[in-house]
Amino acid sequence: MTTTVGKLEMEIPQDRPEIIMTRTFNAPRELVFKAHTSCEHIRQWWGPRRTSFVSCEMHFVEGGTWRYVLQDSEGNQQPFKGEFREIQAPERITWTFIYDVPPFNEQAAVETVVFSEEDGKTTIRVTSVAPSFESRDAMAASGMAEGAAETYDRLEEYAVTLG
């Protein structure tokens, strides 16, 4: 099944517990990659507009950890965390991704972001491998497509300011 929300395409294969998101940005790959590398940058674009950052911790090296806490307008906090498994600048990042709230924090998804550039535009392909089909389906049903689409709109807006 494939869904398109704004400029984001989200595919959910029937035979694998994955979600694949693809988005093209009107910005060079170096800048889109750079926007992923520090809290200074992540704070500017990660998450839907209706949320704000409460905290950001990131050690952007292979084996390093990250933790972001967002807060909505009602004061509800959404904590996320993971570990960087692979960093190949500016081509690929692989990390674990955990929504740090029970029961979701019991198992991590593994996400790989591949950055490719053509004619000054960058396409990212995010493959999120869930620990089970049930976990994948819960992620997809959570409003993930809408949140990711808005987040990536913000990333495009921010990345062009880095040049």
N, C-alpha and C. Protein backbone atom coordinates (compact mmCIF):
# COMPACT_ATOMS: atom_id res chain seq x y z
N MET A 1 0.84 -1.17 0.00
CA MET A 1 0.00 0.00 0.00
C MET A 1 0.89 1.24 0.00
N THR A 2 0.56 2.21 -0.84
CA THR A 2 1.31 3.46 -0.91
C THR A 2 0.37 4.62 -0.66
N THR A 3 0.81 5.55 0.19
CA THR A 3 0.05 6.74 0.53
C THR A 3 0.92 7.95 0.24
N THR A 4 0.31 9.02 -0.26
CA THR A 4 1.02 10.25 -0.47
C THR A 4 0.38 11.34 0.38
N VAL A 5 1.21 12.01 1.19
CA VAL A 5 0.75 13.13 2.02
C VAL A 5 1.66 14.30 1.68
N GLY A 6 1.10 15.31 1.01
CA GLY A 6 1.92 16.43 0.56
C GLY A 6 2.99 15.92 -0.39
N LYS A 7 4.25 16.18 -0.06
CA LYS A 7 5.37 15.74 -0.90
C LYS A 7 5.96 14.41 -0.43
N LEU A 8 5.37 13.80 0.59
CA LEU A 8 5.88 12.55 1.16
C LEU A 8 5.13 11.36 0.59
N GLU A 9 5.89 10.36 0.15
CA GLU A 9 5.30 9.09 -0.26
C GLU A 9 5.64 8.05 0.80
N MET A 10 4.64 7.34 1.29
CA MET A 10 4.85 6.31 2.30
C MET A 10 4.33 4.98 1.77
N GLU A 11 5.21 3.99 1.76
CA GLU A 11 4.87 2.66 1.27
C GLU A 11 4.91 1.68 2.44
N ILE A 12 3.91 0.80 2.50
CA ILE A 12 3.86 -0.25 3.52
C ILE A 12 3.78 -1.59 2.78
N PRO A 13 4.93 -2.27 2.64
CA PRO A 13 4.92 -3.56 1.95
C PRO A 13 4.10 -4.59 2.74
N GLN A 14 3.40 -5.43 2.03
CA GLN A 14 2.57 -6.44 2.70
C GLN A 14 3.39 -7.61 3.22
N ASP A 15 4.58 -7.84 2.64
CA ASP A 15 5.36 -9.03 2.97
C ASP A 15 6.50 -8.80 3.95
N ARG A 16 6.70 -7.55 4.40
CA ARG A 16 7.79 -7.23 5.33
C ARG A 16 7.29 -6.22 6.36
N PRO A 17 7.77 -6.27 7.60
CA PRO A 17 7.32 -5.30 8.62
C PRO A 17 8.09 -3.98 8.49
N GLU A 18 7.92 -3.32 7.36
CA GLU A 18 8.64 -2.08 7.06
C GLU A 18 7.69 -0.97 6.67
N ILE A 19 8.19 0.23 6.86
CA ILE A 19 7.56 1.43 6.30
C ILE A 19 8.68 2.14 5.54
N ILE A 20 8.39 2.51 4.30
CA ILE A 20 9.38 3.20 3.47
C ILE A 20 8.82 4.57 3.12
N MET A 21 9.55 5.61 3.49
CA MET A 21 9.12 6.98 3.19
C MET A 21 10.13 7.60 2.24
N THR A 22 9.62 8.30 1.24
CA THR A 22 10.47 8.96 0.26
C THR A 22 10.02 10.41 0.10
N ARG A 23 11.00 11.30 0.06
CA ARG A 23 10.69 12.74 -0.05
C ARG A 23 11.84 13.42 -0.76
N THR A 24 11.54 14.30 -1.70
CA THR A 24 12.56 15.08 -2.40
C THR A 24 12.52 16.51 -1.88
N PHE A 25 13.71 17.06 -1.63
CA PHE A 25 13.88 18.40 -1.08
C PHE A 25 14.56 19.29 -2.11
N ASN A 26 14.14 20.53 -2.14
CA ASN A 26 14.77 21.51 -3.01
C ASN A 26 15.98 22.10 -2.28
N ALA A 27 16.95 21.23 -2.00
CA ALA A 27 18.16 21.63 -1.27
C ALA A 27 19.24 20.59 -1.57
N PRO A 28 20.51 21.00 -1.56
CA PRO A 28 21.59 20.05 -1.81
C PRO A 28 21.73 19.01 -0.70
N ARG A 29 22.24 17.85 -1.08
CA ARG A 29 22.40 16.73 -0.15
C ARG A 29 23.24 17.11 1.08
N GLU A 30 24.32 17.83 0.88
CA GLU A 30 25.19 18.21 2.00
C GLU A 30 24.39 18.93 3.09
N LEU A 31 23.46 19.80 2.68
CA LEU A 31 22.70 20.58 3.65
C LEU A 31 21.61 19.75 4.32
N VAL A 32 20.95 18.90 3.54
CA VAL A 32 19.92 18.03 4.12
C VAL A 32 20.56 17.07 5.12
N PHE A 33 21.73 16.55 4.78
CA PHE A 33 22.45 15.67 5.71
C PHE A 33 22.88 16.45 6.95
N LYS A 34 23.46 17.62 6.75
CA LYS A 34 23.95 18.45 7.86
C LYS A 34 22.84 18.73 8.88
N ALA A 35 21.62 18.91 8.39
CA ALA A 35 20.48 19.20 9.27
C ALA A 35 20.17 18.06 10.23
N HIS A 36 20.72 16.87 9.97
CA HIS A 36 20.51 15.69 10.82
C HIS A 36 21.60 15.50 11.88
N THR A 37 22.62 16.35 11.94
CA THR A 37 23.85 16.03 12.65
C THR A 37 24.02 16.61 14.05
N SER A 38 23.14 17.50 14.49
CA SER A 38 23.31 18.09 15.82
C SER A 38 21.98 18.59 16.37
N CYS A 39 21.92 18.74 17.67
CA CYS A 39 20.71 19.29 18.30
C CYS A 39 20.44 20.71 17.81
N GLU A 40 21.50 21.47 17.57
CA GLU A 40 21.34 22.84 17.05
C GLU A 40 20.45 22.82 15.81
N HIS A 41 20.66 21.83 14.94
CA HIS A 41 19.87 21.73 13.71
C HIS A 41 18.54 21.01 13.93
N ILE A 42 18.58 19.88 14.61
CA ILE A 42 17.37 19.06 14.80
C ILE A 42 16.25 19.87 15.44
N ARG A 43 16.59 20.69 16.41
CA ARG A 43 15.57 21.51 17.10
C ARG A 43 14.79 22.40 16.15
N GLN A 44 15.38 22.73 15.02
CA GLN A 44 14.76 23.67 14.08
C GLN A 44 13.69 23.03 13.19
N TRP A 45 13.70 21.69 13.07
CA TRP A 45 12.79 21.10 12.10
C TRP A 45 12.12 19.79 12.54
N TRP A 46 12.62 19.10 13.53
CA TRP A 46 12.11 17.77 13.84
C TRP A 46 10.79 17.85 14.59
N GLY A 47 9.78 17.19 14.08
CA GLY A 47 8.47 17.14 14.71
C GLY A 47 7.48 18.07 14.05
N PRO A 48 6.20 17.83 14.28
CA PRO A 48 5.16 18.70 13.74
C PRO A 48 5.25 20.11 14.32
N ARG A 49 4.72 21.07 13.60
CA ARG A 49 4.77 22.49 14.02
C ARG A 49 4.07 22.73 15.35
N ARG A 50 3.09 21.92 15.68
CA ARG A 50 2.33 22.13 16.92
C ARG A 50 3.09 21.68 18.16
N THR A 51 4.29 21.13 17.97
CA THR A 51 5.10 20.69 19.09
C THR A 51 6.32 21.59 19.25
N SER A 52 6.90 21.53 20.44
CA SER A 52 8.15 22.25 20.69
C SER A 52 9.12 21.30 21.37
N PHE A 53 10.40 21.62 21.27
CA PHE A 53 11.42 20.79 21.91
C PHE A 53 11.51 21.10 23.39
N VAL A 54 11.49 20.08 24.22
CA VAL A 54 11.74 20.21 25.64
C VAL A 54 13.22 19.95 25.89
N SER A 55 13.74 18.89 25.24
CA SER A 55 15.16 18.59 25.38
C SER A 55 15.66 17.84 24.16
N CYS A 56 16.95 17.96 23.95
CA CYS A 56 17.61 17.27 22.85
C CYS A 56 19.01 16.89 23.33
N GLU A 57 19.33 15.62 23.20
CA GLU A 57 20.66 15.12 23.50
C GLU A 57 21.08 14.28 22.31
N MET A 58 22.29 14.50 21.82
CA MET A 58 22.74 13.76 20.65
C MET A 58 24.25 13.64 20.64
N HIS A 59 24.73 12.43 20.44
CA HIS A 59 26.16 12.19 20.23
C HIS A 59 26.25 11.54 18.85
N PHE A 60 26.46 12.37 17.81
CA PHE A 60 26.37 11.95 16.42
C PHE A 60 27.66 11.25 15.96
N VAL A 61 27.84 10.04 16.47
CA VAL A 61 28.92 9.14 16.05
C VAL A 61 28.33 7.74 16.06
N GLU A 62 28.94 6.82 15.31
CA GLU A 62 28.47 5.44 15.36
C GLU A 62 28.59 4.94 16.79
N GLY A 63 27.51 4.37 17.31
CA GLY A 63 27.45 3.92 18.69
C GLY A 63 26.96 4.99 19.65
N GLY A 64 26.87 6.24 19.16
CA GLY A 64 26.37 7.33 19.99
C GLY A 64 24.86 7.27 20.11
N THR A 65 24.34 7.89 21.15
CA THR A 65 22.90 7.86 21.39
C THR A 65 22.26 9.22 21.11
N TRP A 66 20.96 9.19 20.98
CA TRP A 66 20.18 10.40 20.83
C TRP A 66 18.90 10.26 21.64
N ARG A 67 18.37 11.40 22.08
CA ARG A 67 17.10 11.43 22.80
C ARG A 67 16.47 12.80 22.57
N TYR A 68 15.24 12.81 22.09
CA TYR A 68 14.50 14.05 21.87
C TYR A 68 13.21 13.95 22.68
N VAL A 69 12.81 15.05 23.29
CA VAL A 69 11.53 15.11 23.96
C VAL A 69 10.78 16.31 23.40
N LEU A 70 9.62 16.02 22.83
CA LEU A 70 8.74 17.05 22.29
C LEU A 70 7.59 17.27 23.24
N GLN A 71 6.96 18.43 23.13
CA GLN A 71 5.79 18.74 23.95
C GLN A 71 4.75 19.41 23.08
N ASP A 72 3.49 18.98 23.24
CA ASP A 72 2.41 19.61 22.49
C ASP A 72 1.83 20.78 23.29
N SER A 73 0.85 21.46 22.71
CA SER A 73 0.29 22.66 23.34
C SER A 73 -0.44 22.37 24.64
N GLU A 74 -0.85 21.12 24.87
CA GLU A 74 -1.51 20.74 26.13
C GLU A 74 -0.51 20.32 27.20
N GLY A 75 0.78 20.34 26.87
CA GLY A 75 1.80 19.96 27.84
C GLY A 75 2.18 18.49 27.84
N ASN A 76 1.58 17.71 26.92
CA ASN A 76 1.92 16.29 26.82
C ASN A 76 3.28 16.12 26.17
N GLN A 77 4.12 15.30 26.79
CA GLN A 77 5.46 15.10 26.26
C GLN A 77 5.54 13.78 25.50
N GLN A 78 6.31 13.82 24.40
CA GLN A 78 6.56 12.64 23.59
C GLN A 78 8.08 12.42 23.52
N PRO A 79 8.60 11.43 24.26
CA PRO A 79 10.04 11.15 24.25
C PRO A 79 10.40 10.10 23.20
N PHE A 80 11.50 10.33 22.52
CA PHE A 80 12.03 9.42 21.51
C PHE A 80 13.51 9.22 21.80
N LYS A 81 14.03 8.03 21.48
CA LYS A 81 15.45 7.80 21.70
C LYS A 81 15.95 6.73 20.74
N GLY A 82 17.29 6.62 20.69
CA GLY A 82 17.88 5.59 19.86
C GLY A 82 19.38 5.66 19.89
N GLU A 83 19.98 4.88 19.01
CA GLU A 83 21.44 4.80 18.91
C GLU A 83 21.83 4.84 17.43
N PHE A 84 22.88 5.58 17.13
CA PHE A 84 23.39 5.63 15.76
C PHE A 84 24.20 4.37 15.49
N ARG A 85 23.81 3.64 14.46
CA ARG A 85 24.50 2.40 14.12
C ARG A 85 25.49 2.59 12.97
N GLU A 86 25.16 3.47 12.04
CA GLU A 86 26.02 3.69 10.88
C GLU A 86 25.87 5.13 10.43
N ILE A 87 27.00 5.77 10.17
CA ILE A 87 27.00 7.13 9.62
C ILE A 87 28.00 7.15 8.48
N GLN A 88 27.52 7.40 7.28
CA GLN A 88 28.36 7.56 6.10
C GLN A 88 28.01 8.91 5.48
N ALA A 89 28.70 9.95 5.93
CA ALA A 89 28.39 11.29 5.46
C ALA A 89 28.78 11.44 4.00
N PRO A 90 27.96 12.08 3.21
CA PRO A 90 26.58 12.54 3.41
C PRO A 90 25.56 11.60 2.78
N GLU A 91 25.85 10.30 2.81
CA GLU A 91 25.04 9.34 2.05
C GLU A 91 24.03 8.55 2.85
N ARG A 92 24.34 8.23 4.11
CA ARG A 92 23.49 7.29 4.84
C ARG A 92 23.65 7.46 6.34
N ILE A 93 22.52 7.30 7.03
CA ILE A 93 22.50 7.21 8.49
C ILE A 93 21.57 6.05 8.85
N THR A 94 22.04 5.19 9.76
CA THR A 94 21.17 4.14 10.30
C THR A 94 21.15 4.32 11.81
N TRP A 95 19.94 4.30 12.37
CA TRP A 95 19.78 4.44 13.81
C TRP A 95 18.63 3.57 14.29
N THR A 96 18.61 3.32 15.58
CA THR A 96 17.44 2.70 16.17
C THR A 96 16.49 3.82 16.57
N PHE A 97 15.21 3.50 16.59
CA PHE A 97 14.18 4.49 16.88
C PHE A 97 13.19 3.88 17.86
N ILE A 98 13.05 4.52 19.00
CA ILE A 98 12.14 4.04 20.04
C ILE A 98 11.27 5.21 20.50
N TYR A 99 9.95 5.00 20.44
CA TYR A 99 9.03 5.93 21.10
C TYR A 99 9.06 5.51 22.55
N ASP A 100 9.64 6.32 23.41
CA ASP A 100 10.03 5.90 24.76
C ASP A 100 8.89 5.97 25.78
N VAL A 101 7.79 5.27 25.45
CA VAL A 101 6.62 5.20 26.31
C VAL A 101 6.13 3.75 26.26
N PRO A 102 5.86 3.13 27.44
CA PRO A 102 5.36 1.76 27.43
C PRO A 102 4.02 1.67 26.68
N PRO A 103 3.75 0.63 25.97
CA PRO A 103 4.58 -0.54 25.72
C PRO A 103 5.49 -0.38 24.51
N PHE A 104 5.49 0.81 23.89
CA PHE A 104 6.24 1.02 22.64
C PHE A 104 7.75 0.97 22.84
N ASN A 105 8.22 1.21 24.06
CA ASN A 105 9.66 1.28 24.31
C ASN A 105 10.30 -0.09 24.54
N GLU A 106 9.55 -1.15 24.33
CA GLU A 106 10.09 -2.49 24.56
C GLU A 106 10.97 -2.98 23.42
N GLN A 107 10.74 -2.48 22.20
CA GLN A 107 11.52 -2.91 21.05
C GLN A 107 11.76 -1.72 20.13
N ALA A 108 12.92 -1.73 19.50
CA ALA A 108 13.30 -0.64 18.62
C ALA A 108 13.04 -0.98 17.16
N ALA A 109 12.64 0.03 16.41
CA ALA A 109 12.67 -0.07 14.95
C ALA A 109 14.09 0.31 14.53
N VAL A 110 14.51 -0.15 13.38
CA VAL A 110 15.80 0.24 12.84
C VAL A 110 15.53 1.02 11.57
N GLU A 111 15.99 2.28 11.55
CA GLU A 111 15.74 3.16 10.41
C GLU A 111 17.03 3.47 9.67
N THR A 112 16.94 3.40 8.36
CA THR A 112 18.06 3.77 7.51
C THR A 112 17.59 4.89 6.59
N VAL A 113 18.33 5.99 6.59
CA VAL A 113 18.04 7.12 5.72
C VAL A 113 19.14 7.17 4.66
N VAL A 114 18.74 7.11 3.40
CA VAL A 114 19.67 7.21 2.29
C VAL A 114 19.42 8.56 1.61
N PHE A 115 20.49 9.33 1.45
CA PHE A 115 20.44 10.66 0.86
C PHE A 115 21.03 10.58 -0.55
N SER A 116 20.28 10.95 -1.56
CA SER A 116 20.82 10.99 -2.92
C SER A 116 20.50 12.35 -3.54
N GLU A 117 21.38 12.81 -4.41
CA GLU A 117 21.21 14.14 -5.01
C GLU A 117 21.23 14.06 -6.52
N GLU A 118 20.34 14.84 -7.12
CA GLU A 118 20.32 14.99 -8.57
C GLU A 118 19.90 16.42 -8.89
N ASP A 119 20.72 17.09 -9.68
CA ASP A 119 20.44 18.48 -10.09
C ASP A 119 20.16 19.40 -8.91
N GLY A 120 20.93 19.26 -7.83
CA GLY A 120 20.79 20.14 -6.68
C GLY A 120 19.63 19.84 -5.77
N LYS A 121 18.88 18.79 -6.07
CA LYS A 121 17.76 18.37 -5.22
C LYS A 121 18.13 17.05 -4.55
N THR A 122 17.68 16.91 -3.31
CA THR A 122 18.01 15.71 -2.53
C THR A 122 16.76 14.88 -2.30
N THR A 123 16.90 13.59 -2.53
CA THR A 123 15.84 12.65 -2.20
C THR A 123 16.33 11.82 -1.02
N ILE A 124 15.49 11.74 0.00
CA ILE A 124 15.79 10.82 1.09
C ILE A 124 14.80 9.66 1.00
N ARG A 125 15.32 8.50 1.31
CA ARG A 125 14.50 7.29 1.39
C ARG A 125 14.75 6.72 2.78
N VAL A 126 13.71 6.71 3.59
CA VAL A 126 13.79 6.23 4.97
C VAL A 126 13.11 4.88 5.02
N THR A 127 13.88 3.86 5.36
CA THR A 127 13.32 2.52 5.53
C THR A 127 13.32 2.21 7.02
N SER A 128 12.13 2.05 7.56
CA SER A 128 11.97 1.76 8.99
C SER A 128 11.54 0.31 9.13
N VAL A 129 12.41 -0.51 9.71
CA VAL A 129 12.12 -1.92 9.90
C VAL A 129 11.63 -2.11 11.34
N ALA A 130 10.37 -2.46 11.46
CA ALA A 130 9.76 -2.66 12.76
C ALA A 130 10.05 -4.07 13.28
N PRO A 131 9.99 -4.28 14.59
CA PRO A 131 10.25 -5.60 15.15
C PRO A 131 9.16 -6.64 14.82
N SER A 132 7.98 -6.18 14.38
CA SER A 132 6.89 -7.10 14.05
C SER A 132 5.91 -6.37 13.13
N PHE A 133 5.03 -7.15 12.50
CA PHE A 133 3.99 -6.55 11.68
C PHE A 133 3.04 -5.72 12.54
N GLU A 134 2.76 -6.20 13.76
CA GLU A 134 1.86 -5.47 14.66
C GLU A 134 2.45 -4.12 15.03
N SER A 135 3.73 -4.10 15.31
CA SER A 135 4.41 -2.85 15.65
C SER A 135 4.40 -1.89 14.46
N ARG A 136 4.69 -2.43 13.28
CA ARG A 136 4.67 -1.61 12.06
C ARG A 136 3.28 -1.01 11.83
N ASP A 137 2.25 -1.82 11.97
CA ASP A 137 0.89 -1.36 11.74
C ASP A 137 0.48 -0.31 12.77
N ALA A 138 0.93 -0.45 14.02
CA ALA A 138 0.64 0.56 15.04
C ALA A 138 1.34 1.87 14.71
N MET A 139 2.59 1.79 14.22
CA MET A 139 3.31 3.01 13.81
C MET A 139 2.54 3.71 12.70
N ALA A 140 2.14 2.95 11.69
CA ALA A 140 1.44 3.52 10.54
C ALA A 140 0.11 4.15 10.95
N ALA A 141 -0.58 3.54 11.91
CA ALA A 141 -1.88 4.03 12.35
C ALA A 141 -1.79 5.22 13.30
N SER A 142 -0.58 5.56 13.73
CA SER A 142 -0.40 6.62 14.73
C SER A 142 -0.45 8.04 14.16
N GLY A 143 -0.65 8.16 12.86
CA GLY A 143 -0.57 9.49 12.24
C GLY A 143 0.83 9.78 11.74
N MET A 144 1.63 8.74 11.63
CA MET A 144 3.03 8.87 11.23
C MET A 144 3.18 9.61 9.90
N ALA A 145 2.37 9.29 8.90
CA ALA A 145 2.51 9.91 7.58
C ALA A 145 2.32 11.43 7.66
N GLU A 146 1.30 11.85 8.37
CA GLU A 146 1.03 13.29 8.48
C GLU A 146 2.14 13.99 9.26
N GLY A 147 2.58 13.38 10.36
CA GLY A 147 3.66 13.96 11.16
C GLY A 147 4.96 14.03 10.39
N ALA A 148 5.29 12.95 9.66
CA ALA A 148 6.52 12.94 8.86
C ALA A 148 6.44 13.95 7.72
N ALA A 149 5.30 14.06 7.07
CA ALA A 149 5.15 15.02 5.97
C ALA A 149 5.40 16.44 6.47
N GLU A 150 4.82 16.79 7.60
CA GLU A 150 5.01 18.13 8.15
C GLU A 150 6.45 18.34 8.62
N THR A 151 7.02 17.33 9.24
CA THR A 151 8.41 17.40 9.68
C THR A 151 9.34 17.64 8.50
N TYR A 152 9.13 16.90 7.41
CA TYR A 152 10.00 17.05 6.24
C TYR A 152 9.76 18.37 5.51
N ASP A 153 8.56 18.92 5.59
CA ASP A 153 8.35 20.29 5.07
C ASP A 153 9.23 21.26 5.85
N ARG A 154 9.25 21.09 7.17
CA ARG A 154 10.09 21.95 8.02
C ARG A 154 11.58 21.75 7.72
N LEU A 155 11.98 20.49 7.46
CA LEU A 155 13.37 20.21 7.12
C LEU A 155 13.76 20.94 5.84
N GLU A 156 12.91 20.90 4.84
CA GLU A 156 13.23 21.60 3.59
C GLU A 156 13.39 23.10 3.83
N GLU A 157 12.48 23.68 4.59
CA GLU A 157 12.56 25.11 4.91
C GLU A 157 13.88 25.44 5.61
N TYR A 158 14.28 24.57 6.54
CA TYR A 158 15.49 24.83 7.33
C TYR A 158 16.77 24.57 6.54
N ALA A 159 16.80 23.47 5.77
CA ALA A 159 18.03 23.09 5.06
C ALA A 159 18.50 24.20 4.13
N VAL A 160 17.58 24.89 3.48
CA VAL A 160 18.01 25.94 2.54
C VAL A 160 18.65 27.12 3.27
N THR A 161 18.39 27.26 4.58
CA THR A 161 19.01 28.35 5.33
C THR A 161 20.45 28.04 5.72
N LEU A 162 20.86 26.78 5.58
CA LEU A 162 22.21 26.38 5.99
C LEU A 162 23.27 26.70 4.93
N GLY A 163 22.83 26.96 3.70
CA GLY A 163 23.78 27.20 2.61
C GLY A 163 24.36 28.51 2.58
